[in-house]
C-alpha atoms as a PDB file:
ATOM      1  CA  UNK A   1       9.749 -24.167   1.209  1.00  0.00           C
ATOM      2  CA  UNK A   2      12.785 -23.041   3.160  1.00  0.00           C
ATOM      3  CA  UNK A   3      13.771 -21.006   0.214  1.00  0.00           C
ATOM      4  CA  UNK A   4      10.544 -18.813   0.597  1.00  0.00           C
ATOM      5  CA  UNK A   5      12.271 -17.614   3.815  1.00  0.00           C
ATOM      6  CA  UNK A   6      15.181 -16.228   1.744  1.00  0.00           C
ATOM      7  CA  UNK A   7      13.101 -13.835  -0.095  1.00  0.00           C
ATOM      8  CA  UNK A   8      13.090 -11.736   3.298  1.00  0.00           C
ATOM      9  CA  UNK A   9      16.660 -10.927   2.584  1.00  0.00           C
ATOM     10  CA  UNK A  10      18.298  -8.631   0.049  1.00  0.00           C
ATOM     11  CA  UNK A  11      19.628 -10.202  -3.002  1.00  0.00           C
ATOM     12  CA  UNK A  12      23.486  -9.729  -1.990  1.00  0.00           C
ATOM     13  CA  UNK A  13      22.856 -11.357   1.230  1.00  0.00           C
ATOM     14  CA  UNK A  14      21.161 -14.297  -0.622  1.00  0.00           C
ATOM     15  CA  UNK A  15      24.194 -14.622  -2.878  1.00  0.00           C
ATOM     16  CA  UNK A  16      26.601 -14.691  -0.168  1.00  0.00           C
ATOM     17  CA  UNK A  17      24.845 -16.701   2.529  1.00  0.00           C
ATOM     18  CA  UNK A  18      21.863 -18.194   1.183  1.00  0.00           C
ATOM     19  CA  UNK A  19      23.107 -21.570   0.566  1.00  0.00           C
ATOM     20  CA  UNK A  20      24.625 -21.644   3.997  1.00  0.00           C
ATOM     21  CA  UNK A  21      21.574 -20.557   5.881  1.00  0.00           C
ATOM     22  CA  UNK A  22      19.478 -23.384   3.954  1.00  0.00           C
ATOM     23  CA  UNK A  23      22.025 -25.926   5.137  1.00  0.00           C
ATOM     24  CA  UNK A  24      21.636 -24.808   8.560  1.00  0.00           C
ATOM     25  CA  UNK A  25      17.966 -25.218   8.513  1.00  0.00           C
ATOM     26  CA  UNK A  26      18.209 -28.372   7.108  1.00  0.00           C
ATOM     27  CA  UNK A  27      20.818 -29.684   9.789  1.00  0.00           C
ATOM     28  CA  UNK A  28      18.602 -28.122  12.690  1.00  0.00           C
ATOM     29  CA  UNK A  29      15.404 -29.509  11.422  1.00  0.00           C
ATOM     30  CA  UNK A  30      15.905 -32.632   9.347  1.00  0.00           C
ATOM     31  CA  UNK A  31      12.895 -33.859   7.329  1.00  0.00           C
ATOM     32  CA  UNK A  32      10.734 -30.835   7.767  1.00  0.00           C
ATOM     33  CA  UNK A  33      10.248 -28.275   4.570  1.00  0.00           C
ATOM     34  CA  UNK A  34       9.330 -25.645   7.267  1.00  0.00           C
ATOM     35  CA  UNK A  35      10.995 -24.454  10.628  1.00  0.00           C
ATOM     36  CA  UNK A  36       8.791 -24.034  13.471  1.00  0.00           C
ATOM     37  CA  UNK A  37       6.700 -20.821  13.732  1.00  0.00           C
ATOM     38  CA  UNK A  38       9.305 -19.067  16.235  1.00  0.00           C
ATOM     39  CA  UNK A  39      12.001 -19.856  13.974  1.00  0.00           C
ATOM     40  CA  UNK A  40      10.091 -18.424  10.965  1.00  0.00           C
ATOM     41  CA  UNK A  41       9.261 -15.219  12.732  1.00  0.00           C
ATOM     42  CA  UNK A  42      13.214 -14.904  13.806  1.00  0.00           C
ATOM     43  CA  UNK A  43      14.343 -15.268  10.354  1.00  0.00           C
ATOM     44  CA  UNK A  44      11.651 -12.920   8.846  1.00  0.00           C
ATOM     45  CA  UNK A  45      12.764 -10.156  11.399  1.00  0.00           C
ATOM     46  CA  UNK A  46      16.481 -10.729  10.412  1.00  0.00           C
ATOM     47  CA  UNK A  47      15.561 -10.503   6.796  1.00  0.00           C
ATOM     48  CA  UNK A  48      13.622  -7.045   7.242  1.00  0.00           C
ATOM     49  CA  UNK A  49      16.482  -5.837   9.457  1.00  0.00           C
ATOM     50  CA  UNK A  50      19.033  -6.845   6.514  1.00  0.00           C
ATOM     51  CA  UNK A  51      16.918  -5.195   3.770  1.00  0.00           C
ATOM     52  CA  UNK A  52      16.703  -1.890   6.252  1.00  0.00           C
ATOM     53  CA  UNK A  53      20.343  -1.816   6.883  1.00  0.00           C
ATOM     54  CA  UNK A  54      20.947  -2.085   3.126  1.00  0.00           C
ATOM     55  CA  UNK A  55      18.629   0.668   2.392  1.00  0.00           C
ATOM     56  CA  UNK A  56      20.147   3.121   4.894  1.00  0.00           C
ATOM     57  CA  UNK A  57      23.786   2.148   3.618  1.00  0.00           C
ATOM     58  CA  UNK A  58      22.761   3.470   0.317  1.00  0.00           C
ATOM     59  CA  UNK A  59      23.779   7.160   0.371  1.00  0.00           C
ATOM     60  CA  UNK A  60      22.647   7.866  -3.304  1.00  0.00           C
ATOM     61  CA  UNK A  61      19.674   9.678  -1.702  1.00  0.00           C
ATOM     62  CA  UNK A  62      18.626  11.657   1.498  1.00  0.00           C
ATOM     63  CA  UNK A  63      16.448   9.539   4.050  1.00  0.00           C
ATOM     64  CA  UNK A  64      13.472  12.102   3.615  1.00  0.00           C
ATOM     65  CA  UNK A  65      13.300  11.479  -0.154  1.00  0.00           C
ATOM     66  CA  UNK A  66      13.267   7.985   0.193  1.00  0.00           C
ATOM     67  CA  UNK A  67      10.614   8.527   2.920  1.00  0.00           C
ATOM     68  CA  UNK A  68       8.336  10.652   0.624  1.00  0.00           C
ATOM     69  CA  UNK A  69       8.721   8.204  -2.251  1.00  0.00           C
ATOM     70  CA  UNK A  70       7.554   5.437   0.179  1.00  0.00           C
ATOM     71  CA  UNK A  71       4.563   7.511   1.365  1.00  0.00           C
ATOM     72  CA  UNK A  72       3.617   8.076  -2.171  1.00  0.00           C
ATOM     73  CA  UNK A  73       3.842   4.284  -3.069  1.00  0.00           C
ATOM     74  CA  UNK A  74       1.507   3.515   0.125  1.00  0.00           C
ATOM     75  CA  UNK A  75      -1.144   6.469  -0.686  1.00  0.00           C
ATOM     76  CA  UNK A  76      -1.379   5.247  -4.581  1.00  0.00           C
ATOM     77  CA  UNK A  77      -1.781   1.751  -3.255  1.00  0.00           C
ATOM     78  CA  UNK A  78      -4.393   2.894  -0.599  1.00  0.00           C
ATOM     79  CA  UNK A  79      -6.437   4.952  -3.395  1.00  0.00           C
ATOM     80  CA  UNK A  80      -6.278   1.697  -5.437  1.00  0.00           C
ATOM     81  CA  UNK A  81      -7.788  -0.687  -2.821  1.00  0.00           C
ATOM     82  CA  UNK A  82     -11.431   0.145  -3.416  1.00  0.00           C
ATOM     83  CA  UNK A  83     -11.065  -0.404  -7.442  1.00  0.00           C
ATOM     84  CA  UNK A  84      -9.355  -3.663  -7.387  1.00  0.00           C
ATOM     85  CA  UNK A  85     -12.378  -5.476  -8.446  1.00  0.00           C
ATOM     86  CA  UNK A  86     -13.278  -2.901 -11.007  1.00  0.00           C
ATOM     87  CA  UNK A  87     -10.101  -2.820 -12.821  1.00  0.00           C
ATOM     88  CA  UNK A  88      -9.806  -6.481 -12.872  1.00  0.00           C
ATOM     89  CA  UNK A  89     -13.264  -6.883 -14.635  1.00  0.00           C
ATOM     90  CA  UNK A  90     -12.292  -4.012 -16.899  1.00  0.00           C
ATOM     91  CA  UNK A  91      -9.158  -5.528 -18.084  1.00  0.00           C
ATOM     92  CA  UNK A  92     -10.654  -8.984 -18.952  1.00  0.00           C
ATOM     93  CA  UNK A  93     -13.911  -7.731 -20.166  1.00  0.00           C
ATOM     94  CA  UNK A  94     -15.920  -9.258 -17.350  1.00  0.00           C
ATOM     95  CA  UNK A  95     -19.318  -8.257 -16.791  1.00  0.00           C
ATOM     96  CA  UNK A  96     -20.032  -8.945 -12.939  1.00  0.00           C
ATOM     97  CA  UNK A  97     -23.554  -7.945 -13.193  1.00  0.00           C
ATOM     98  CA  UNK A  98     -25.099  -7.601  -9.735  1.00  0.00           C
ATOM     99  CA  UNK A  99     -21.534  -8.453  -7.977  1.00  0.00           C
ATOM    100  CA  UNK A 100     -20.097  -5.013  -9.387  1.00  0.00           C
ATOM    101  CA  UNK A 101     -18.642  -2.877  -6.651  1.00  0.00           C
ATOM    102  CA  UNK A 102     -21.028  -0.036  -5.577  1.00  0.00           C
ATOM    103  CA  UNK A 103     -22.869  -0.190  -9.264  1.00  0.00           C
ATOM    104  CA  UNK A 104     -26.738  -0.457  -9.274  1.00  0.00           C
ATOM    105  CA  UNK A 105     -26.701  -2.293 -12.604  1.00  0.00           C
ATOM    106  CA  UNK A 106     -24.399  -3.979 -15.195  1.00  0.00           C
ATOM    107  CA  UNK A 107     -23.498  -2.232 -18.413  1.00  0.00           C
ATOM    108  CA  UNK A 108     -21.181   0.563 -17.578  1.00  0.00           C
ATOM    109  CA  UNK A 109     -18.515  -0.412 -20.209  1.00  0.00           C
ATOM    110  CA  UNK A 110     -19.118   0.139 -24.038  1.00  0.00           C
ATOM    111  CA  UNK A 111     -18.589  -3.540 -24.479  1.00  0.00           C
ATOM    112  CA  UNK A 112     -21.314  -4.443 -21.834  1.00  0.00           C
ATOM    113  CA  UNK A 113     -24.969  -4.245 -21.986  1.00  0.00           C
ATOM    114  CA  UNK A 114     -27.133  -2.556 -19.445  1.00  0.00           C
ATOM    115  CA  UNK A 115     -29.167   0.436 -18.408  1.00  0.00           C
ATOM    116  CA  UNK A 116     -26.561   2.641 -16.534  1.00  0.00           C
ATOM    117  CA  UNK A 117     -24.546   5.294 -18.291  1.00  0.00           C
ATOM    118  CA  UNK A 118     -21.717   3.999 -20.428  1.00  0.00           C
ATOM    119  CA  UNK A 119     -18.088   5.056 -19.121  1.00  0.00           C
ATOM    120  CA  UNK A 120     -15.057   4.387 -20.810  1.00  0.00           C
ATOM    121  CA  UNK A 121     -12.512   3.788 -18.228  1.00  0.00           C
ATOM    122  CA  UNK A 122     -12.516   2.679 -14.574  1.00  0.00           C
ATOM    123  CA  UNK A 123     -11.290   5.319 -12.054  1.00  0.00           C
ATOM    124  CA  UNK A 124      -8.954   2.821 -10.590  1.00  0.00           C
ATOM    125  CA  UNK A 125      -6.575   2.973 -13.611  1.00  0.00           C
ATOM    126  CA  UNK A 126      -5.472   6.379 -12.168  1.00  0.00           C
ATOM    127  CA  UNK A 127      -3.997   5.194  -8.935  1.00  0.00           C
ATOM    128  CA  UNK A 128      -2.647   1.886 -10.646  1.00  0.00           C
ATOM    129  CA  UNK A 129      -0.875   3.923 -13.263  1.00  0.00           C
ATOM    130  CA  UNK A 130       0.448   6.126 -10.387  1.00  0.00           C
ATOM    131  CA  UNK A 131       1.555   3.413  -8.390  1.00  0.00           C
ATOM    132  CA  UNK A 132       3.457   1.587 -11.337  1.00  0.00           C
ATOM    133  CA  UNK A 133       5.109   4.904 -12.238  1.00  0.00           C
ATOM    134  CA  UNK A 134       6.446   5.281  -8.446  1.00  0.00           C
ATOM    135  CA  UNK A 135       7.570   1.806  -8.434  1.00  0.00           C
ATOM    136  CA  UNK A 136       9.506   2.437 -11.461  1.00  0.00           C
ATOM    137  CA  UNK A 137      10.862   5.804 -10.044  1.00  0.00           C
ATOM    138  CA  UNK A 138       9.237   7.863 -12.790  1.00  0.00           C
ATOM    139  CA  UNK A 139       7.295  10.644 -10.704  1.00  0.00           C
ATOM    140  CA  UNK A 140       6.957  12.785 -13.841  1.00  0.00           C
ATOM    141  CA  UNK A 141       4.417  10.115 -15.054  1.00  0.00           C
ATOM    142  CA  UNK A 142       2.761   9.663 -11.861  1.00  0.00           C
ATOM    143  CA  UNK A 143       2.230  13.385 -11.246  1.00  0.00           C
ATOM    144  CA  UNK A 144      -0.367  13.760 -14.000  1.00  0.00           C
ATOM    145  CA  UNK A 145      -2.266  10.593 -12.930  1.00  0.00           C
ATOM    146  CA  UNK A 146      -2.550  11.864  -9.307  1.00  0.00           C
ATOM    147  CA  UNK A 147      -3.808  15.482 -10.611  1.00  0.00           C
ATOM    148  CA  UNK A 148      -6.414  13.556 -12.980  1.00  0.00           C
ATOM    149  CA  UNK A 149      -7.597  11.828  -9.663  1.00  0.00           C
ATOM    150  CA  UNK A 150      -7.950  15.550  -8.208  1.00  0.00           C
ATOM    151  CA  UNK A 151      -9.926  16.389 -11.239  1.00  0.00           C
ATOM    152  CA  UNK A 152     -12.132  13.355 -11.428  1.00  0.00           C
ATOM    153  CA  UNK A 153     -13.010  13.886  -7.736  1.00  0.00           C
ATOM    154  CA  UNK A 154     -13.574  17.645  -7.707  1.00  0.00           C
ATOM    155  CA  UNK A 155     -15.718  17.947 -11.016  1.00  0.00           C
ATOM    156  CA  UNK A 156     -18.722  16.164 -12.679  1.00  0.00           C
ATOM    157  CA  UNK A 157     -17.272  16.697 -16.304  1.00  0.00           C
ATOM    158  CA  UNK A 158     -15.936  13.177 -16.591  1.00  0.00           C
ATOM    159  CA  UNK A 159     -18.751  11.019 -15.866  1.00  0.00           C
ATOM    160  CA  UNK A 160     -18.743   9.240 -19.385  1.00  0.00           C
ATOM    161  CA  UNK A 161     -15.046   8.894 -18.848  1.00  0.00           C
ATOM    162  CA  UNK A 162     -14.690   7.252 -15.370  1.00  0.00           C
ATOM    163  CA  UNK A 163     -18.486   7.005 -14.303  1.00  0.00           C
ATOM    164  CA  UNK A 164     -19.966   8.899 -11.394  1.00  0.00           C
ATOM    165  CA  UNK A 165     -20.813   5.833  -9.619  1.00  0.00           C
ATOM    166  CA  UNK A 166     -17.302   4.788  -9.970  1.00  0.00           C
ATOM    167  CA  UNK A 167     -15.940   7.863  -8.198  1.00  0.00           C
ATOM    168  CA  UNK A 168     -18.542   7.595  -5.402  1.00  0.00           C
ATOM    169  CA  UNK A 169     -18.006   3.887  -4.586  1.00  0.00           C
ATOM    170  CA  UNK A 170     -17.077   3.064  -0.890  1.00  0.00           C
ATOM    171  CA  UNK A 171     -13.692   2.112  -0.272  1.00  0.00           C
ATOM    172  CA  UNK A 172     -12.469   0.920   3.248  1.00  0.00           C
ATOM    173  CA  UNK A 173      -9.133   1.576   4.573  1.00  0.00           C
ATOM    174  CA  UNK A 174      -8.444  -0.746   7.497  1.00  0.00           C
ATOM    175  CA  UNK A 175      -9.710   1.079  10.649  1.00  0.00           C
ATOM    176  CA  UNK A 176     -10.553   4.278   8.786  1.00  0.00           C
ATOM    177  CA  UNK A 177     -13.785   5.655   7.535  1.00  0.00           C
ATOM    178  CA  UNK A 178     -15.148   5.046   4.067  1.00  0.00           C
ATOM    179  CA  UNK A 179     -13.306   7.155   1.719  1.00  0.00           C
ATOM    180  CA  UNK A 180     -14.367   8.026  -1.836  1.00  0.00           C
ATOM    181  CA  UNK A 181     -12.586   9.490  -4.986  1.00  0.00           C
ATOM    182  CA  UNK A 182     -14.640  12.827  -3.987  1.00  0.00           C
ATOM    183  CA  UNK A 183     -12.287  12.951  -0.887  1.00  0.00           C
ATOM    184  CA  UNK A 184      -9.938  14.920  -2.444  1.00  0.00           C
ATOM    185  CA  UNK A 185      -7.303  14.866   0.611  1.00  0.00           C
ATOM    186  CA  UNK A 186      -5.970  11.502  -0.293  1.00  0.00           C
ATOM    187  CA  UNK A 187      -5.690  12.568  -4.028  1.00  0.00           C
ATOM    188  CA  UNK A 188      -4.173  15.851  -3.077  1.00  0.00           C
ATOM    189  CA  UNK A 189      -1.533  14.492  -0.778  1.00  0.00           C
ATOM    190  CA  UNK A 190      -0.550  11.916  -3.136  1.00  0.00           C
ATOM    191  CA  UNK A 191      -0.246  14.572  -5.811  1.00  0.00           C
ATOM    192  CA  UNK A 192       1.931  16.888  -3.532  1.00  0.00           C
ATOM    193  CA  UNK A 193       4.202  13.957  -2.798  1.00  0.00           C
ATOM    194  CA  UNK A 194       4.531  13.435  -6.612  1.00  0.00           C
ATOM    195  CA  UNK A 195       5.320  17.047  -7.215  1.00  0.00           C
ATOM    196  CA  UNK A 196       8.070  16.889  -4.381  1.00  0.00           C
ATOM    197  CA  UNK A 197       9.744  13.712  -6.133  1.00  0.00           C
ATOM    198  CA  UNK A 198       9.438  14.982  -9.515  1.00  0.00           C
ATOM    199  CA  UNK A 199      11.212  18.406  -8.512  1.00  0.00           C
ATOM    200  CA  UNK A 200      13.969  16.590  -6.446  1.00  0.00           C
ATOM    201  CA  UNK A 201      16.062  15.124  -9.133  1.00  0.00           C
ATOM    202  CA  UNK A 202      13.810  11.877  -9.591  1.00  0.00           C
ATOM    203  CA  UNK A 203      17.029  10.318 -11.255  1.00  0.00           C
ATOM    204  CA  UNK A 204      18.005   9.607  -7.518  1.00  0.00           C
ATOM    205  CA  UNK A 205      14.878   7.755  -6.780  1.00  0.00           C
ATOM    206  CA  UNK A 206      14.979   4.225  -6.112  1.00  0.00           C
ATOM    207  CA  UNK A 207      13.604   2.027  -9.023  1.00  0.00           C
ATOM    208  CA  UNK A 208      11.927  -1.295  -7.842  1.00  0.00           C
ATOM    209  CA  UNK A 209      11.397  -4.513 -10.125  1.00  0.00           C
ATOM    210  CA  UNK A 210       7.968  -5.177 -11.679  1.00  0.00           C
ATOM    211  CA  UNK A 211       7.871  -7.989  -9.474  1.00  0.00           C
ATOM    212  CA  UNK A 212       6.641  -5.675  -6.752  1.00  0.00           C
ATOM    213  CA  UNK A 213       3.355  -5.786  -8.684  1.00  0.00           C
ATOM    214  CA  UNK A 214       2.614  -9.465  -8.062  1.00  0.00           C
ATOM    215  CA  UNK A 215       0.793  -8.613  -4.880  1.00  0.00           C
ATOM    216  CA  UNK A 216      -1.315  -6.098  -6.689  1.00  0.00           C
ATOM    217  CA  UNK A 217      -2.634  -8.540  -9.385  1.00  0.00           C
ATOM    218  CA  UNK A 218      -2.952 -11.138  -6.725  1.00  0.00           C
ATOM    219  CA  UNK A 219      -5.277  -8.687  -4.915  1.00  0.00           C
ATOM    220  CA  UNK A 220      -7.231  -8.020  -8.081  1.00  0.00           C
ATOM    221  CA  UNK A 221      -7.477 -11.285  -8.826  1.00  0.00           C
ATOM    222  CA  UNK A 222      -9.003 -12.287  -5.250  1.00  0.00           C
ATOM    223  CA  UNK A 223     -11.161  -9.284  -5.404  1.00  0.00           C
ATOM    224  CA  UNK A 224     -12.483  -9.801  -8.926  1.00  0.00           C
ATOM    225  CA  UNK A 225     -12.604 -13.514  -9.008  1.00  0.00           C
ATOM    226  CA  UNK A 226     -14.394 -14.084  -5.864  1.00  0.00           C
ATOM    227  CA  UNK A 227     -16.332 -10.860  -6.023  1.00  0.00           C
ATOM    228  CA  UNK A 228     -15.059  -9.687  -2.730  1.00  0.00           C
ATOM    229  CA  UNK A 229     -15.522  -5.644  -2.474  1.00  0.00           C
ATOM    230  CA  UNK A 230     -13.530  -3.422  -0.257  1.00  0.00           C
ATOM    231  CA  UNK A 231     -16.536  -2.943   2.147  1.00  0.00           C
ATOM    232  CA  UNK A 232     -17.066  -6.707   2.764  1.00  0.00           C
ATOM    233  CA  UNK A 233     -15.749  -8.026   6.131  1.00  0.00           C
ATOM    234  CA  UNK A 234     -13.425 -10.516   4.603  1.00  0.00           C
ATOM    235  CA  UNK A 235     -11.396  -7.616   2.729  1.00  0.00           C
ATOM    236  CA  UNK A 236     -11.454  -5.493   5.684  1.00  0.00           C
ATOM    237  CA  UNK A 237      -9.897  -8.197   7.842  1.00  0.00           C
ATOM    238  CA  UNK A 238      -7.345  -8.921   5.326  1.00  0.00           C
ATOM    239  CA  UNK A 239      -6.347  -5.389   4.832  1.00  0.00           C
ATOM    240  CA  UNK A 240      -6.172  -5.124   8.740  1.00  0.00           C
ATOM    241  CA  UNK A 241      -3.744  -7.746   8.785  1.00  0.00           C
ATOM    242  CA  UNK A 242      -1.579  -6.334   6.164  1.00  0.00           C
ATOM    243  CA  UNK A 243      -1.387  -3.010   7.942  1.00  0.00           C
ATOM    244  CA  UNK A 244      -0.524  -4.626  11.075  1.00  0.00           C
ATOM    245  CA  UNK A 245       2.211  -6.338   9.341  1.00  0.00           C
ATOM    246  CA  UNK A 246       3.422  -3.260   7.685  1.00  0.00           C
ATOM    247  CA  UNK A 247       3.454  -1.407  11.010  1.00  0.00           C
ATOM    248  CA  UNK A 248       5.673  -4.157  12.344  1.00  0.00           C
ATOM    249  CA  UNK A 249       8.084  -4.295   9.432  1.00  0.00           C
ATOM    250  CA  UNK A 250       8.332  -0.520   9.899  1.00  0.00           C
ATOM    251  CA  UNK A 251       9.150  -0.977  13.630  1.00  0.00           C
ATOM    252  CA  UNK A 252      11.594  -3.516  13.126  1.00  0.00           C
ATOM    253  CA  UNK A 253      13.605  -1.451  10.340  1.00  0.00           C
ATOM    254  CA  UNK A 254      13.364   1.588  12.552  1.00  0.00           C
ATOM    255  CA  UNK A 255      14.674  -0.168  15.551  1.00  0.00           C
ATOM    256  CA  UNK A 256      17.517  -1.763  13.635  1.00  0.00           C
ATOM    257  CA  UNK A 257      18.629   1.192  11.800  1.00  0.00           C
ATOM    258  CA  UNK A 258      17.268   4.201  13.947  1.00  0.00           C
ATOM    259  CA  UNK A 259      16.399   5.903  10.640  1.00  0.00           C
ATOM    260  CA  UNK A 260      13.216   8.144  10.269  1.00  0.00           C
ATOM    261  CA  UNK A 261      12.454   7.426   6.661  1.00  0.00           C
ATOM    262  CA  UNK A 262       9.736   4.904   7.620  1.00  0.00           C
ATOM    263  CA  UNK A 263       7.968   7.171   9.782  1.00  0.00           C
ATOM    264  CA  UNK A 264       6.892   9.289   6.717  1.00  0.00           C
ATOM    265  CA  UNK A 265       4.563   6.874   5.139  1.00  0.00           C
ATOM    266  CA  UNK A 266       3.123   5.836   8.597  1.00  0.00           C
ATOM    267  CA  UNK A 267       2.392   9.428   9.195  1.00  0.00           C
ATOM    268  CA  UNK A 268       0.923  10.095   5.818  1.00  0.00           C
ATOM    269  CA  UNK A 269      -1.509   7.051   6.191  1.00  0.00           C
ATOM    270  CA  UNK A 270      -2.343   8.179   9.846  1.00  0.00           C
ATOM    271  CA  UNK A 271      -2.978  11.472   8.515  1.00  0.00           C
ATOM    272  CA  UNK A 272      -5.252  10.580   5.736  1.00  0.00           C
ATOM    273  CA  UNK A 273      -7.293   8.104   7.851  1.00  0.00           C
ATOM    274  CA  UNK A 274      -7.680  10.286  10.858  1.00  0.00           C
ATOM    275  CA  UNK A 275      -9.038  13.106   8.897  1.00  0.00           C
ATOM    276  CA  UNK A 276     -11.661  10.667   7.257  1.00  0.00           C
ATOM    277  CA  UNK A 277     -12.604   9.621  10.546  1.00  0.00           C
ATOM    278  CA  UNK A 278     -12.964  13.397  11.788  1.00  0.00           C
ATOM    279  CA  UNK A 279     -15.051  14.339   8.738  1.00  0.00           C
ATOM    280  CA  UNK A 280     -17.166  11.352   9.002  1.00  0.00           C
ATOM    281  CA  UNK A 281     -17.455  10.152  12.509  1.00  0.00           C
ATOM    282  CA  UNK A 282     -20.644   8.126  11.819  1.00  0.00           C
ATOM    283  CA  UNK A 283     -18.875   5.819   9.232  1.00  0.00           C
ATOM    284  CA  UNK A 284     -16.656   3.806  11.940  1.00  0.00           C
ATOM    285  CA  UNK A 285     -16.632   0.263  12.305  1.00  0.00           C
ATOM    286  CA  UNK A 286     -19.498  -0.695  14.652  1.00  0.00           C
ATOM    287  CA  UNK A 287     -17.258  -3.144  16.297  1.00  0.00           C
ATOM    288  CA  UNK A 288     -14.525  -0.948  17.393  1.00  0.00           C
ATOM    289  CA  UNK A 289     -14.885   1.827  19.885  1.00  0.00           C
ATOM    290  CA  UNK A 290     -14.113   5.349  18.539  1.00  0.00           C
ATOM    291  CA  UNK A 291     -11.080   5.856  21.047  1.00  0.00           C
ATOM    292  CA  UNK A 292      -9.513   2.490  20.219  1.00  0.00           C
ATOM    293  CA  UNK A 293      -9.668   3.293  16.368  1.00  0.00           C
ATOM    294  CA  UNK A 294      -7.891   6.574  16.960  1.00  0.00           C
ATOM    295  CA  UNK A 295      -5.100   5.235  19.376  1.00  0.00           C
ATOM    296  CA  UNK A 296      -4.455   2.409  16.821  1.00  0.00           C
ATOM    297  CA  UNK A 297      -3.869   5.494  14.090  1.00  0.00           C
ATOM    298  CA  UNK A 298      -1.962   7.520  16.144  1.00  0.00           C
ATOM    299  CA  UNK A 299       0.001   5.395  18.404  1.00  0.00           C
ATOM    300  CA  UNK A 300       2.329   3.860  16.060  1.00  0.00           C
ATOM    301  CA  UNK A 301       3.588   7.711  15.183  1.00  0.00           C
ATOM    302  CA  UNK A 302       5.229   8.334  18.653  1.00  0.00           C
ATOM    303  CA  UNK A 303       6.361   4.644  19.072  1.00  0.00           C
ATOM    304  CA  UNK A 304       8.242   4.767  15.714  1.00  0.00           C
ATOM    305  CA  UNK A 305       9.977   8.333  16.672  1.00  0.00           C
ATOM    306  CA  UNK A 306      10.993   6.881  20.025  1.00  0.00           C
ATOM    307  CA  UNK A 307      12.403   3.813  18.639  1.00  0.00           C
ATOM    308  CA  UNK A 308      14.558   5.659  16.279  1.00  0.00           C
ATOM    309  CA  UNK A 309      15.832   8.072  18.816  1.00  0.00           C
ATOM    310  CA  UNK A 310      16.861   5.272  21.183  1.00  0.00           C
ATOM    311  CA  UNK A 311      18.564   3.426  18.433  1.00  0.00           C
ATOM    312  CA  UNK A 312      20.481   6.837  17.457  1.00  0.00           C
ATOM    313  CA  UNK A 313      21.364   7.415  21.072  1.00  0.00           C
ATOM    314  CA  UNK A 314      22.742   3.858  21.472  1.00  0.00           C
ATOM    315  CA  UNK A 315      24.913   4.134  18.386  1.00  0.00           C
ATOM    316  CA  UNK A 316      26.300   7.440  19.624  1.00  0.00           C
ATOM    317  CA  UNK A 317      26.971   5.535  22.870  1.00  0.00           C
ATOM    318  CA  UNK A 318      28.770   2.895  21.216  1.00  0.00           C
END
């Protein structure tokens, strides 16, 4: 199990010091397959810091371009969240019946039977295609998918393609308000980010492995196999935990490097969710006061900026 902790570190570090780290853990905690929680947290934090330093040391691209790339990846993942179950069922030809996400009846695919209007594709294929293209550093493929998201949300001409209910089904983003495909702020911001990436020498973008899609496939399996839709409390709590973990990772990376690139995706997500709250103030989670929600959305931005500035000033003083 100790080898799982090595995944937090970049590959060059694992090649040079991985075995030494495993030997130290085996010597410090003999007979245990997993170190104490405090040691796990320290090792994961060190791994995030090592990855952040490796990213900053790579001068093949400017920090702001990498930040926009991270923001586009995050927005594509957010747009996919409400449709994880739908895409999983479509891919495996599963007819979920009354368990379908935000649909009144079954039978919305050509191969299924039911009283609803037939549609050809799930809307979630668009953000999924955009996410895969961005992971592989190909924004010229992600840009048409993001533009199609705008078209699908702004028009009603594609009802037989994506289905009207598929575009109106509620999606829930953590502590924000429900956002549907008809809310063009999310798809518009994603399209703008893809356009910037496509125009700024996309060959310089970071290309990530297909292994990064493993969490997406796992989320689809959980949502589709267990019929957990994005408006259920279990899904909301799980997404909240992921958001908190991502914010902590961004803070650790910023504190370790003094780099501002991780501020860009945090700002993008905060903007999307804040505008949804402002537009639909009655759609808050009832268990959270409005002020607390807004503070949780906005507070990470100045915290990250101050952390980066302090790290930069400390580096200059040294």
